[in-house]
Amino acid sequence: MARGNVWIAVAGFLTNSKGEVLVVKKKYSGLKGMWSIPAGFVQEGETLDEAAVREVKEETGICAVVTGVIGIRSGVIKHTISDNMVIFSLALEDESQTIEVQESELFDVKWKTPDELLQDDMTSVMVVEMLRSPQHIQHLQPIENINPGDQFQYSTYKLFL
């Protein structure tokens, strides 16, 4: 799917009951070979939060639910491409799930402790910053079942406040 020069992506920050973070090691992009959180582009016909849940499932085999929005990354690549990402916090649907690596895109998927990630030079800058400053992470909670007005003809509408 063509993205043009405005990119909308999502990422899922998922922790388990032990406080470990679900991280992936990509085979491509600027994050090739680095630990990052599952992420990808929003597809036509899905909301941002649906895309985050889908990306986590596709990349890791893990089913999760959105618990809130915890951050936004925004930048411009080569003075042209607007690269935007909404970062969601997620919770496991079931603690007993096993990881299934999407081998076409990933070298590996693991649960790693924050200390392991902070000590690893192959951890992405975004993950490092999130782990260094957890007090700055605030959860914007999803509010659903709102109708902003029939004139807009939304098939899905959510606010995160």
C-alpha atoms as a PDB file:
ATOM      1  CA  MET A   1       0.000   0.000   0.000  1.00  0.00           C
ATOM      2  CA  ALA A   2       1.402   3.395  -0.959  1.00  0.00           C
ATOM      3  CA  ARG A   3       1.980   5.702   1.986  1.00  0.00           C
ATOM      4  CA  GLY A   4       2.904   8.875   0.158  1.00  0.00           C
ATOM      5  CA  ASN A   5       4.831  11.422   2.204  1.00  0.00           C
ATOM      6  CA  VAL A   6       2.672  11.269   5.330  1.00  0.00           C
ATOM      7  CA  TRP A   7       3.175   8.123   7.370  1.00  0.00           C
ATOM      8  CA  ILE A   8       0.924   7.062  10.249  1.00  0.00           C
ATOM      9  CA  ALA A   9       2.299   4.195  12.310  1.00  0.00           C
ATOM     10  CA  VAL A  10       1.577   2.610  15.678  1.00  0.00           C
ATOM     11  CA  ALA A  11       3.570   0.709  18.268  1.00  0.00           C
ATOM     12  CA  GLY A  12       2.578  -1.498  21.181  1.00  0.00           C
ATOM     13  CA  PHE A  13       4.361  -1.328  24.548  1.00  0.00           C
ATOM     14  CA  LEU A  14       3.427  -4.585  26.256  1.00  0.00           C
ATOM     15  CA  THR A  15       4.614  -5.812  29.645  1.00  0.00           C
ATOM     16  CA  ASN A  16       3.911  -9.071  31.426  1.00  0.00           C
ATOM     17  CA  SER A  17       3.262  -9.781  35.126  1.00  0.00           C
ATOM     18  CA  LYS A  18       7.044 -10.028  35.726  1.00  0.00           C
ATOM     19  CA  GLY A  19       7.559  -6.480  34.408  1.00  0.00           C
ATOM     20  CA  GLU A  20       9.293  -7.703  31.262  1.00  0.00           C
ATOM     21  CA  VAL A  21       8.782  -5.860  27.969  1.00  0.00           C
ATOM     22  CA  LEU A  22       7.888  -7.626  24.710  1.00  0.00           C
ATOM     23  CA  VAL A  23      10.539  -6.602  22.167  1.00  0.00           C
ATOM     24  CA  VAL A  24      11.289  -7.556  18.587  1.00  0.00           C
ATOM     25  CA  LYS A  25      14.478  -7.543  16.510  1.00  0.00           C
ATOM     26  CA  LYS A  26      13.628  -6.456  12.946  1.00  0.00           C
ATOM     27  CA  LYS A  27      15.301  -7.703   9.767  1.00  0.00           C
ATOM     28  CA  TYR A  28      14.842  -4.378   7.929  1.00  0.00           C
ATOM     29  CA  SER A  29      14.673  -0.582   8.260  1.00  0.00           C
ATOM     30  CA  GLY A  30      16.714   1.756  10.420  1.00  0.00           C
ATOM     31  CA  LEU A  31      16.007  -0.572  13.355  1.00  0.00           C
ATOM     32  CA  LYS A  32      17.494  -3.646  11.659  1.00  0.00           C
ATOM     33  CA  GLY A  33      19.069  -5.859  14.341  1.00  0.00           C
ATOM     34  CA  MET A  34      17.914  -3.641  17.218  1.00  0.00           C
ATOM     35  CA  TRP A  35      15.455  -4.358  20.008  1.00  0.00           C
ATOM     36  CA  SER A  36      12.310  -2.312  19.513  1.00  0.00           C
ATOM     37  CA  ILE A  37       8.642  -2.695  20.316  1.00  0.00           C
ATOM     38  CA  PRO A  38       6.219  -4.211  17.786  1.00  0.00           C
ATOM     39  CA  ALA A  39       5.160  -1.535  15.317  1.00  0.00           C
ATOM     40  CA  GLY A  40       3.848  -0.928  11.849  1.00  0.00           C
ATOM     41  CA  PHE A  41       1.695   1.193   9.610  1.00  0.00           C
ATOM     42  CA  VAL A  42      -2.027   1.761   9.977  1.00  0.00           C
ATOM     43  CA  GLN A  43      -4.044   0.103   7.239  1.00  0.00           C
ATOM     44  CA  GLU A  44      -7.111   1.411   5.484  1.00  0.00           C
ATOM     45  CA  GLY A  45     -10.308   0.821   7.455  1.00  0.00           C
ATOM     46  CA  GLU A  46      -8.752   0.411  10.902  1.00  0.00           C
ATOM     47  CA  THR A  47      -8.356   2.705  13.876  1.00  0.00           C
ATOM     48  CA  LEU A  48      -4.958   3.425  15.412  1.00  0.00           C
ATOM     49  CA  ASP A  49      -5.591   1.138  18.393  1.00  0.00           C
ATOM     50  CA  GLU A  50      -6.817  -1.696  16.164  1.00  0.00           C
ATOM     51  CA  ALA A  51      -3.609  -1.370  14.131  1.00  0.00           C
ATOM     52  CA  ALA A  52      -1.473  -1.615  17.296  1.00  0.00           C
ATOM     53  CA  VAL A  53      -3.218  -4.815  18.410  1.00  0.00           C
ATOM     54  CA  ARG A  54      -2.916  -6.257  14.882  1.00  0.00           C
ATOM     55  CA  GLU A  55       0.794  -5.446  14.602  1.00  0.00           C
ATOM     56  CA  VAL A  56       1.590  -7.088  17.954  1.00  0.00           C
ATOM     57  CA  LYS A  57      -0.363 -10.201  16.934  1.00  0.00           C
ATOM     58  CA  GLU A  58       1.204 -10.371  13.459  1.00  0.00           C
ATOM     59  CA  GLU A  59       4.777  -9.903  14.650  1.00  0.00           C
ATOM     60  CA  THR A  60       4.714 -11.932  17.862  1.00  0.00           C
ATOM     61  CA  GLY A  61       1.613 -14.143  17.929  1.00  0.00           C
ATOM     62  CA  ILE A  62       0.578 -12.450  21.189  1.00  0.00           C
ATOM     63  CA  CYS A  63      -3.044 -11.325  21.693  1.00  0.00           C
ATOM     64  CA  ALA A  64      -3.294  -8.090  23.647  1.00  0.00           C
ATOM     65  CA  VAL A  65      -5.741  -5.327  24.474  1.00  0.00           C
ATOM     66  CA  VAL A  66      -5.156  -1.584  24.468  1.00  0.00           C
ATOM     67  CA  THR A  67      -5.033   0.078  27.867  1.00  0.00           C
ATOM     68  CA  GLY A  68      -4.163   3.579  26.693  1.00  0.00           C
ATOM     69  CA  VAL A  69      -1.989   5.907  24.654  1.00  0.00           C
ATOM     70  CA  ILE A  70       1.414   6.556  26.207  1.00  0.00           C
ATOM     71  CA  GLY A  71       3.260   8.570  23.611  1.00  0.00           C
ATOM     72  CA  ILE A  72       3.644  10.077  20.184  1.00  0.00           C
ATOM     73  CA  ARG A  73       6.746  10.073  18.025  1.00  0.00           C
ATOM     74  CA  SER A  74       6.829  12.550  15.173  1.00  0.00           C
ATOM     75  CA  GLY A  75       9.611  13.454  12.792  1.00  0.00           C
ATOM     76  CA  VAL A  76      10.432  14.458   9.245  1.00  0.00           C
ATOM     77  CA  ILE A  77      12.711  12.268   7.131  1.00  0.00           C
ATOM     78  CA  LYS A  78      14.960  13.998   4.566  1.00  0.00           C
ATOM     79  CA  HIS A  79      12.933  17.227   4.846  1.00  0.00           C
ATOM     80  CA  THR A  80      10.032  15.489   3.067  1.00  0.00           C
ATOM     81  CA  ILE A  81       8.394  12.502   4.757  1.00  0.00           C
ATOM     82  CA  SER A  82       6.209  13.218   7.785  1.00  0.00           C
ATOM     83  CA  ASP A  83       6.788  10.111   9.954  1.00  0.00           C
ATOM     84  CA  ASN A  84       4.292   9.845  12.823  1.00  0.00           C
ATOM     85  CA  MET A  85       3.708   7.092  15.382  1.00  0.00           C
ATOM     86  CA  VAL A  86       1.239   6.707  18.220  1.00  0.00           C
ATOM     87  CA  ILE A  87       2.535   4.464  21.025  1.00  0.00           C
ATOM     88  CA  PHE A  88      -0.046   2.393  22.885  1.00  0.00           C
ATOM     89  CA  SER A  89       0.237   0.572  26.180  1.00  0.00           C
ATOM     90  CA  LEU A  90      -1.126  -2.944  25.947  1.00  0.00           C
ATOM     91  CA  ALA A  91      -2.064  -5.729  28.355  1.00  0.00           C
ATOM     92  CA  LEU A  92      -1.909  -9.452  27.705  1.00  0.00           C
ATOM     93  CA  GLU A  93      -5.211 -11.197  27.077  1.00  0.00           C
ATOM     94  CA  ASP A  94      -3.691 -14.315  28.659  1.00  0.00           C
ATOM     95  CA  GLU A  95      -0.338 -14.704  30.473  1.00  0.00           C
ATOM     96  CA  SER A  96       0.149 -18.274  29.167  1.00  0.00           C
ATOM     97  CA  GLN A  97       0.507 -17.278  25.499  1.00  0.00           C
ATOM     98  CA  THR A  98       3.606 -18.356  23.630  1.00  0.00           C
ATOM     99  CA  ILE A  99       5.595 -16.223  21.246  1.00  0.00           C
ATOM    100  CA  GLU A 100       5.408 -16.929  17.519  1.00  0.00           C
ATOM    101  CA  VAL A 101       8.122 -15.058  15.598  1.00  0.00           C
ATOM    102  CA  GLN A 102       7.073 -13.590  12.238  1.00  0.00           C
ATOM    103  CA  GLU A 103      10.217 -14.865  10.543  1.00  0.00           C
ATOM    104  CA  SER A 104       9.715 -12.897   7.318  1.00  0.00           C
ATOM    105  CA  GLU A 105      10.201  -9.595   9.206  1.00  0.00           C
ATOM    106  CA  LEU A 106      11.941 -10.464  12.474  1.00  0.00           C
ATOM    107  CA  PHE A 107      15.133 -12.085  13.685  1.00  0.00           C
ATOM    108  CA  ASP A 108      13.735 -12.596  17.189  1.00  0.00           C
ATOM    109  CA  VAL A 109      11.028 -11.781  19.741  1.00  0.00           C
ATOM    110  CA  LYS A 110      11.684 -11.901  23.495  1.00  0.00           C
ATOM    111  CA  TRP A 111      10.442 -10.811  26.874  1.00  0.00           C
ATOM    112  CA  LYS A 112      13.287  -8.714  28.345  1.00  0.00           C
ATOM    113  CA  THR A 113      13.596  -6.880  31.632  1.00  0.00           C
ATOM    114  CA  PRO A 114      13.994  -3.099  31.565  1.00  0.00           C
ATOM    115  CA  ASP A 115      17.537  -3.524  32.958  1.00  0.00           C
ATOM    116  CA  GLU A 116      18.471  -5.955  30.173  1.00  0.00           C
ATOM    117  CA  LEU A 117      17.198  -3.507  27.575  1.00  0.00           C
ATOM    118  CA  LEU A 118      18.919  -0.489  29.145  1.00  0.00           C
ATOM    119  CA  GLN A 119      22.251  -2.346  29.246  1.00  0.00           C
ATOM    120  CA  ASP A 120      22.004  -3.561  25.637  1.00  0.00           C
ATOM    121  CA  ASP A 121      23.558  -1.254  23.019  1.00  0.00           C
ATOM    122  CA  MET A 122      21.173  -2.782  20.485  1.00  0.00           C
ATOM    123  CA  THR A 123      18.039  -1.334  22.149  1.00  0.00           C
ATOM    124  CA  SER A 124      16.299   1.384  20.130  1.00  0.00           C
ATOM    125  CA  VAL A 125      16.495   4.980  21.324  1.00  0.00           C
ATOM    126  CA  MET A 126      12.716   5.189  21.730  1.00  0.00           C
ATOM    127  CA  VAL A 127      12.605   2.142  24.032  1.00  0.00           C
ATOM    128  CA  VAL A 128      15.575   3.433  26.048  1.00  0.00           C
ATOM    129  CA  GLU A 129      13.903   6.823  26.539  1.00  0.00           C
ATOM    130  CA  MET A 130      10.616   5.205  27.557  1.00  0.00           C
ATOM    131  CA  LEU A 131      12.379   3.029  30.135  1.00  0.00           C
ATOM    132  CA  ARG A 132      14.541   5.881  31.477  1.00  0.00           C
ATOM    133  CA  SER A 133      11.559   8.156  32.054  1.00  0.00           C
ATOM    134  CA  PRO A 134       8.617   5.991  33.154  1.00  0.00           C
ATOM    135  CA  GLN A 135       7.342   8.815  35.376  1.00  0.00           C
ATOM    136  CA  HIS A 136       6.676  10.860  32.235  1.00  0.00           C
ATOM    137  CA  ILE A 137       4.465   8.177  30.710  1.00  0.00           C
ATOM    138  CA  GLN A 138       0.819   9.041  31.219  1.00  0.00           C
ATOM    139  CA  HIS A 139      -1.991   6.883  29.944  1.00  0.00           C
ATOM    140  CA  LEU A 140      -4.694   8.510  27.861  1.00  0.00           C
ATOM    141  CA  GLN A 141      -7.668   6.206  28.336  1.00  0.00           C
ATOM    142  CA  PRO A 142      -9.904   5.095  25.473  1.00  0.00           C
ATOM    143  CA  ILE A 143     -13.481   6.358  25.473  1.00  0.00           C
ATOM    144  CA  GLU A 144     -15.770   4.494  23.094  1.00  0.00           C
ATOM    145  CA  ASN A 145     -19.455   4.520  22.150  1.00  0.00           C
ATOM    146  CA  ILE A 146     -19.458   8.246  21.417  1.00  0.00           C
ATOM    147  CA  ASN A 147     -21.341   9.718  18.493  1.00  0.00           C
ATOM    148  CA  PRO A 148     -19.753  13.012  17.332  1.00  0.00           C
ATOM    149  CA  GLY A 149     -22.772  13.588  15.114  1.00  0.00           C
ATOM    150  CA  ASP A 150     -24.378  11.635  12.314  1.00  0.00           C
ATOM    151  CA  GLN A 151     -23.243  14.263   9.796  1.00  0.00           C
ATOM    152  CA  PHE A 152     -19.676  12.847   9.984  1.00  0.00           C
ATOM    153  CA  GLN A 153     -20.765   9.282   9.146  1.00  0.00           C
ATOM    154  CA  TYR A 154     -18.065   7.605  11.262  1.00  0.00           C
ATOM    155  CA  SER A 155     -18.246   3.806  11.288  1.00  0.00           C
ATOM    156  CA  THR A 156     -15.852   3.823  14.263  1.00  0.00           C
ATOM    157  CA  TYR A 157     -15.078   6.725  16.592  1.00  0.00           C
ATOM    158  CA  LYS A 158     -12.899   6.773  19.723  1.00  0.00           C
ATOM    159  CA  LEU A 159     -11.317   9.412  21.904  1.00  0.00           C
ATOM    160  CA  PHE A 160      -8.229   8.910  24.068  1.00  0.00           C
ATOM    161  CA  LEU A 161      -8.298  11.400  26.955  1.00  0.00           C
END
